[in-house]
C-alpha atoms as a PDB file:
ATOM      1  CA  MET A   1     -15.389  -2.297  18.662  1.00  0.00           C
ATOM      2  CA  LYS A   2     -18.317   0.020  17.898  1.00  0.00           C
ATOM      3  CA  GLN A   3     -16.752   2.762  20.016  1.00  0.00           C
ATOM      4  CA  GLY A   4     -13.462   2.527  18.096  1.00  0.00           C
ATOM      5  CA  ILE A   5     -15.213   2.719  14.737  1.00  0.00           C
ATOM      6  CA  GLY A   6     -17.314   5.598  16.066  1.00  0.00           C
ATOM      7  CA  LEU A   7     -14.096   7.461  16.906  1.00  0.00           C
ATOM      8  CA  LEU A   8     -12.817   6.787  13.374  1.00  0.00           C
ATOM      9  CA  PHE A   9     -16.060   8.130  11.906  1.00  0.00           C
ATOM     10  CA  TRP A  10     -16.200  11.297  13.988  1.00  0.00           C
ATOM     11  CA  GLY A  11     -12.466  11.931  13.680  1.00  0.00           C
ATOM     12  CA  PHE A  12     -12.595  11.794   9.886  1.00  0.00           C
ATOM     13  CA  PHE A  13     -15.778  13.886   9.949  1.00  0.00           C
ATOM     14  CA  PHE A  14     -14.018  16.590  11.994  1.00  0.00           C
ATOM     15  CA  VAL A  15     -11.119  16.551   9.542  1.00  0.00           C
ATOM     16  CA  LEU A  16     -13.561  16.945   6.656  1.00  0.00           C
ATOM     17  CA  ILE A  17     -15.446  19.972   7.978  1.00  0.00           C
ATOM     18  CA  ASP A  18     -14.002  23.412   8.545  1.00  0.00           C
ATOM     19  CA  ILE A  19     -15.779  26.030  10.599  1.00  0.00           C
ATOM     20  CA  ASN A  20     -13.720  29.211  10.623  1.00  0.00           C
ATOM     21  CA  VAL A  21     -14.478  32.236  12.767  1.00  0.00           C
ATOM     22  CA  MET A  22     -12.151  35.207  12.436  1.00  0.00           C
ATOM     23  CA  ARG A  23      -9.491  33.038  10.738  1.00  0.00           C
ATOM     24  CA  ILE A  24      -9.531  30.391  13.492  1.00  0.00           C
ATOM     25  CA  ASP A  25     -10.709  26.849  12.769  1.00  0.00           C
ATOM     26  CA  LEU A  26     -13.147  25.963  15.558  1.00  0.00           C
ATOM     27  CA  ILE A  27     -12.724  22.229  14.906  1.00  0.00           C
ATOM     28  CA  PRO A  28      -9.020  21.894  14.088  1.00  0.00           C
ATOM     29  CA  ASP A  29      -7.985  18.946  11.937  1.00  0.00           C
ATOM     30  CA  PHE A  30      -5.449  17.759  14.497  1.00  0.00           C
ATOM     31  CA  ILE A  31      -8.303  17.013  16.928  1.00  0.00           C
ATOM     32  CA  GLY A  32      -9.923  14.827  14.263  1.00  0.00           C
ATOM     33  CA  TYR A  33      -6.642  13.042  13.561  1.00  0.00           C
ATOM     34  CA  PHE A  34      -6.124  12.359  17.277  1.00  0.00           C
ATOM     35  CA  MET A  35      -9.687  10.993  17.482  1.00  0.00           C
ATOM     36  CA  VAL A  36      -8.894   8.658  14.576  1.00  0.00           C
ATOM     37  CA  LEU A  37      -5.643   7.680  16.287  1.00  0.00           C
ATOM     38  CA  THR A  38      -7.546   6.912  19.502  1.00  0.00           C
ATOM     39  CA  GLY A  39     -10.052   4.827  17.513  1.00  0.00           C
ATOM     40  CA  VAL A  40      -7.220   2.911  15.838  1.00  0.00           C
ATOM     41  CA  LYS A  41      -5.636   2.206  19.229  1.00  0.00           C
ATOM     42  CA  LYS A  42      -8.954   0.952  20.642  1.00  0.00           C
ATOM     43  CA  LEU A  43      -9.497  -1.307  17.639  1.00  0.00           C
ATOM     44  CA  GLU A  44      -5.926  -2.621  17.756  1.00  0.00           C
ATOM     45  CA  ALA A  45      -6.447  -3.460  21.442  1.00  0.00           C
ATOM     46  CA  GLN A  46      -9.386  -5.624  20.307  1.00  0.00           C
ATOM     47  CA  GLY A  47      -7.283  -7.523  17.790  1.00  0.00           C
ATOM     48  CA  LEU A  48      -7.660  -5.514  14.577  1.00  0.00           C
ATOM     49  CA  ALA A  49      -4.474  -4.686  12.690  1.00  0.00           C
ATOM     50  CA  PHE A  50      -3.800  -1.381  10.955  1.00  0.00           C
ATOM     51  CA  PRO A  51      -0.165  -1.565   9.804  1.00  0.00           C
ATOM     52  CA  ARG A  52       1.640   1.737   9.404  1.00  0.00           C
ATOM     53  CA  VAL A  53      -1.470   3.833  10.142  1.00  0.00           C
ATOM     54  CA  ARG A  54      -0.503   5.184  13.574  1.00  0.00           C
ATOM     55  CA  PRO A  55       2.725   6.991  12.557  1.00  0.00           C
ATOM     56  CA  ILE A  56       1.004   8.555   9.548  1.00  0.00           C
ATOM     57  CA  LEU A  57      -1.843   9.788  11.747  1.00  0.00           C
ATOM     58  CA  ILE A  58       0.639  11.352  14.165  1.00  0.00           C
ATOM     59  CA  LEU A  59       2.391  13.036  11.224  1.00  0.00           C
ATOM     60  CA  LEU A  60      -0.935  14.310   9.844  1.00  0.00           C
ATOM     61  CA  ALA A  61      -1.915  15.671  13.259  1.00  0.00           C
ATOM     62  CA  ILE A  62       1.385  17.526  13.630  1.00  0.00           C
ATOM     63  CA  LEU A  63       1.333  18.870  10.063  1.00  0.00           C
ATOM     64  CA  SER A  64      -2.233  20.102  10.465  1.00  0.00           C
ATOM     65  CA  ILE A  65      -1.564  22.220  13.577  1.00  0.00           C
ATOM     66  CA  PRO A  66      -0.457  25.331  11.627  1.00  0.00           C
ATOM     67  CA  GLY A  67      -3.706  25.159   9.612  1.00  0.00           C
ATOM     68  CA  THR A  68      -5.710  25.921  12.747  1.00  0.00           C
ATOM     69  CA  ILE A  69      -5.187  29.617  12.101  1.00  0.00           C
ATOM     70  CA  GLN A  70      -5.778  30.926   8.582  1.00  0.00           C
ATOM     71  CA  TRP A  71      -2.679  33.030   8.126  1.00  0.00           C
ATOM     72  CA  GLY A  72      -3.270  36.033   5.907  1.00  0.00           C
ATOM     73  CA  THR A  73      -1.325  36.237   2.668  1.00  0.00           C
ATOM     74  CA  ILE A  74      -1.383  40.039   2.589  1.00  0.00           C
ATOM     75  CA  ASN A  75       1.547  40.346   5.005  1.00  0.00           C
ATOM     76  CA  LEU A  76       3.566  37.799   3.043  1.00  0.00           C
ATOM     77  CA  ILE A  77       2.894  39.606  -0.227  1.00  0.00           C
ATOM     78  CA  ASP A  78       3.944  42.896   1.389  1.00  0.00           C
ATOM     79  CA  GLN A  79       7.223  41.223   2.315  1.00  0.00           C
ATOM     80  CA  GLY A  80       7.948  40.274  -1.303  1.00  0.00           C
ATOM     81  CA  VAL A  81       6.594  36.721  -1.486  1.00  0.00           C
ATOM     82  CA  GLN A  82       4.938  36.174  -4.861  1.00  0.00           C
ATOM     83  CA  PRO A  83       1.267  35.068  -4.816  1.00  0.00           C
ATOM     84  CA  THR A  84       2.085  32.283  -7.297  1.00  0.00           C
ATOM     85  CA  SER A  85       4.638  30.881  -4.825  1.00  0.00           C
ATOM     86  CA  LEU A  86       1.929  30.737  -2.162  1.00  0.00           C
ATOM     87  CA  PHE A  87      -0.419  29.041  -4.641  1.00  0.00           C
ATOM     88  CA  HIS A  88       2.212  26.433  -5.536  1.00  0.00           C
ATOM     89  CA  LEU A  89       2.968  25.857  -1.858  1.00  0.00           C
ATOM     90  CA  GLY A  90      -0.764  25.367  -1.213  1.00  0.00           C
ATOM     91  CA  ILE A  91      -1.016  22.794  -3.999  1.00  0.00           C
ATOM     92  CA  LEU A  92       2.083  20.946  -2.758  1.00  0.00           C
ATOM     93  CA  SER A  93       0.677  20.945   0.773  1.00  0.00           C
ATOM     94  CA  SER A  94      -2.671  19.598  -0.482  1.00  0.00           C
ATOM     95  CA  LEU A  95      -0.929  16.844  -2.443  1.00  0.00           C
ATOM     96  CA  VAL A  96       1.008  15.765   0.661  1.00  0.00           C
ATOM     97  CA  PHE A  97      -2.116  15.746   2.834  1.00  0.00           C
ATOM     98  CA  MET A  98      -4.173  13.869   0.217  1.00  0.00           C
ATOM     99  CA  SER A  99      -1.399  11.263  -0.180  1.00  0.00           C
ATOM    100  CA  LEU A 100      -1.060  10.713   3.562  1.00  0.00           C
ATOM    101  CA  HIS A 101      -4.839  10.633   3.949  1.00  0.00           C
ATOM    102  CA  LEU A 102      -5.008   8.011   1.190  1.00  0.00           C
ATOM    103  CA  MET A 103      -2.496   5.815   3.025  1.00  0.00           C
ATOM    104  CA  VAL A 104      -4.467   6.088   6.281  1.00  0.00           C
ATOM    105  CA  GLY A 105      -7.816   5.432   4.595  1.00  0.00           C
ATOM    106  CA  VAL A 106      -6.560   2.370   2.734  1.00  0.00           C
ATOM    107  CA  GLY A 107      -4.864   1.033   5.877  1.00  0.00           C
ATOM    108  CA  ILE A 108      -8.075   1.374   7.865  1.00  0.00           C
ATOM    109  CA  LEU A 109     -10.197  -0.169   5.104  1.00  0.00           C
ATOM    110  CA  GLN A 110      -7.776  -3.106   4.840  1.00  0.00           C
ATOM    111  CA  GLY A 111      -7.945  -3.693   8.591  1.00  0.00           C
ATOM    112  CA  LEU A 112     -11.746  -3.563   8.606  1.00  0.00           C
ATOM    113  CA  ARG A 113     -11.954  -5.875   5.584  1.00  0.00           C
ATOM    114  CA  LYS A 114      -9.676  -8.374   7.297  1.00  0.00           C
ATOM    115  CA  GLN A 115     -11.916  -8.233  10.376  1.00  0.00           C
ATOM    116  CA  ALA A 116     -15.002  -8.829   8.203  1.00  0.00           C
ATOM    117  CA  LEU A 117     -13.311 -11.918   6.722  1.00  0.00           C
ATOM    118  CA  GLU A 118     -12.495 -13.203  10.201  1.00  0.00           C
ATOM    119  CA  MET A 119     -16.149 -12.683  11.185  1.00  0.00           C
ATOM    120  CA  GLU A 120     -17.049 -14.627   8.012  1.00  0.00           C
ATOM    121  CA  ASN A 121     -19.140 -11.720   6.786  1.00  0.00           C
ATOM    122  CA  GLN A 122     -18.517 -12.024   3.031  1.00  0.00           C
ATOM    123  CA  SER A 123     -20.904  -9.188   2.162  1.00  0.00           C
ATOM    124  CA  LEU A 124     -19.053  -6.718   4.374  1.00  0.00           C
ATOM    125  CA  ALA A 125     -15.663  -8.018   3.218  1.00  0.00           C
ATOM    126  CA  SER A 126     -16.767  -7.493  -0.383  1.00  0.00           C
ATOM    127  CA  LYS A 127     -17.885  -3.956   0.434  1.00  0.00           C
ATOM    128  CA  GLY A 128     -14.507  -3.412   2.077  1.00  0.00           C
ATOM    129  CA  GLN A 129     -12.667  -4.584  -1.034  1.00  0.00           C
ATOM    130  CA  GLN A 130     -14.808  -2.328  -3.228  1.00  0.00           C
ATOM    131  CA  GLY A 131     -14.162   0.501  -0.786  1.00  0.00           C
ATOM    132  CA  ILE A 132     -10.407  -0.020  -0.958  1.00  0.00           C
ATOM    133  CA  TYR A 133     -10.459  -0.088  -4.745  1.00  0.00           C
ATOM    134  CA  SER A 134     -12.822   2.891  -5.151  1.00  0.00           C
ATOM    135  CA  TYR A 135     -11.078   5.001  -2.511  1.00  0.00           C
ATOM    136  CA  THR A 136      -7.617   4.287  -3.900  1.00  0.00           C
ATOM    137  CA  VAL A 137      -8.452   4.810  -7.572  1.00  0.00           C
ATOM    138  CA  SER A 138     -10.548   7.948  -7.098  1.00  0.00           C
ATOM    139  CA  THR A 139      -8.098   9.620  -4.723  1.00  0.00           C
ATOM    140  CA  PHE A 140      -5.142   8.642  -6.911  1.00  0.00           C
ATOM    141  CA  LEU A 141      -6.876  10.153  -9.971  1.00  0.00           C
ATOM    142  CA  LEU A 142      -7.384  13.387  -8.048  1.00  0.00           C
ATOM    143  CA  LEU A 143      -3.718  13.339  -7.055  1.00  0.00           C
ATOM    144  CA  LEU A 144      -2.769  12.970 -10.733  1.00  0.00           C
ATOM    145  CA  ILE A 145      -5.073  15.758 -11.922  1.00  0.00           C
ATOM    146  CA  TYR A 146      -4.319  18.232  -9.117  1.00  0.00           C
ATOM    147  CA  PRO A 147      -0.868  19.431 -10.312  1.00  0.00           C
ATOM    148  CA  PHE A 148      -2.346  20.361 -13.711  1.00  0.00           C
ATOM    149  CA  VAL A 149      -4.240  23.189 -12.026  1.00  0.00           C
ATOM    150  CA  ILE A 150      -0.976  25.140 -12.111  1.00  0.00           C
ATOM    151  CA  ASN A 151      -0.626  24.814 -15.900  1.00  0.00           C
ATOM    152  CA  THR A 152      -4.056  26.065 -16.892  1.00  0.00           C
ATOM    153  CA  SER A 153      -5.632  29.456 -17.330  1.00  0.00           C
ATOM    154  CA  LEU A 154      -7.056  31.129 -14.251  1.00  0.00           C
ATOM    155  CA  TYR A 155     -10.624  30.267 -15.271  1.00  0.00           C
ATOM    156  CA  VAL A 156      -9.938  26.596 -16.070  1.00  0.00           C
ATOM    157  CA  GLY A 157      -7.676  26.261 -13.030  1.00  0.00           C
ATOM    158  CA  THR A 158     -10.366  27.658 -10.765  1.00  0.00           C
ATOM    159  CA  LEU A 159     -12.949  25.252 -12.201  1.00  0.00           C
ATOM    160  CA  LEU A 160     -10.547  22.312 -11.805  1.00  0.00           C
ATOM    161  CA  PHE A 161      -9.719  23.382  -8.268  1.00  0.00           C
ATOM    162  CA  ILE A 162     -13.407  23.579  -7.320  1.00  0.00           C
ATOM    163  CA  GLY A 163     -14.198  20.294  -9.096  1.00  0.00           C
ATOM    164  CA  ILE A 164     -11.348  18.487  -7.353  1.00  0.00           C
ATOM    165  CA  GLY A 165     -12.478  19.888  -4.016  1.00  0.00           C
ATOM    166  CA  ILE A 166     -16.048  18.703  -4.542  1.00  0.00           C
ATOM    167  CA  ALA A 167     -14.889  15.281  -5.764  1.00  0.00           C
ATOM    168  CA  TYR A 168     -12.611  14.891  -2.737  1.00  0.00           C
ATOM    169  CA  ILE A 169     -15.460  15.754  -0.361  1.00  0.00           C
ATOM    170  CA  ILE A 170     -17.690  13.173  -2.073  1.00  0.00           C
ATOM    171  CA  ILE A 171     -14.941  10.529  -1.789  1.00  0.00           C
ATOM    172  CA  GLN A 172     -14.525  11.286   1.915  1.00  0.00           C
ATOM    173  CA  LEU A 173     -18.293  11.123   2.495  1.00  0.00           C
ATOM    174  CA  ILE A 174     -18.435   7.706   0.830  1.00  0.00           C
ATOM    175  CA  PHE A 175     -15.573   6.614   3.093  1.00  0.00           C
ATOM    176  CA  LEU A 176     -17.545   7.851   6.122  1.00  0.00           C
ATOM    177  CA  PHE A 177     -20.638   5.963   4.982  1.00  0.00           C
ATOM    178  CA  PHE A 178     -18.570   2.782   4.716  1.00  0.00           C
ATOM    179  CA  LEU A 179     -17.336   3.254   8.294  1.00  0.00           C
ATOM    180  CA  ARG A 180     -20.921   3.798   9.404  1.00  0.00           C
ATOM    181  CA  SER A 181     -22.177   0.684   7.602  1.00  0.00           C
ATOM    182  CA  PHE A 182     -19.362  -1.394   9.106  1.00  0.00           C
ATOM    183  CA  ARG A 183     -20.262  -0.134  12.586  1.00  0.00           C
ATOM    184  CA  ILE A 184     -23.945  -0.914  12.075  1.00  0.00           C
ATOM    185  CA  SER A 185     -23.217  -4.456  10.865  1.00  0.00           C
ATOM    186  CA  LEU A 186     -21.338  -5.368  14.060  1.00  0.00           C
END
């Protein structure tokens, strides 16, 4: 079980970090999603249940493949595509990824909480419930705020964009710490 949770941890960690060299992501997100998928399969083989998580992970992995290379916008602008269209497309793409990521995170937290209850570990089950609530509410609030970036001035929009990015990273780090604490308590 520890190996499966370790795969979840490292997979989500790889999705969280981006190391780009010459517009190429050295740790592509799809590798992280496949690590998470492998961890979910290992945990399911040991009796844990993560309903609806596997197809969403496969979808996330496939959708993240084009993000491996940072395509330049200069060529698109030269071909008549408006920069605001690219910005709107980026926000829509981020909303889709955040929503799918939320579904995966909640599904995994629910499965781990159920396992904690079966192990009669009330403390861990309580942490799992708090994790589900905190993760869902905070990510959902970011999803609600994110579209308003479009309707603000450039300065306010930039600040909102940066703030949302930092908040999302913090939420993901807390999620990773929960996975780590669950692994340690086994």
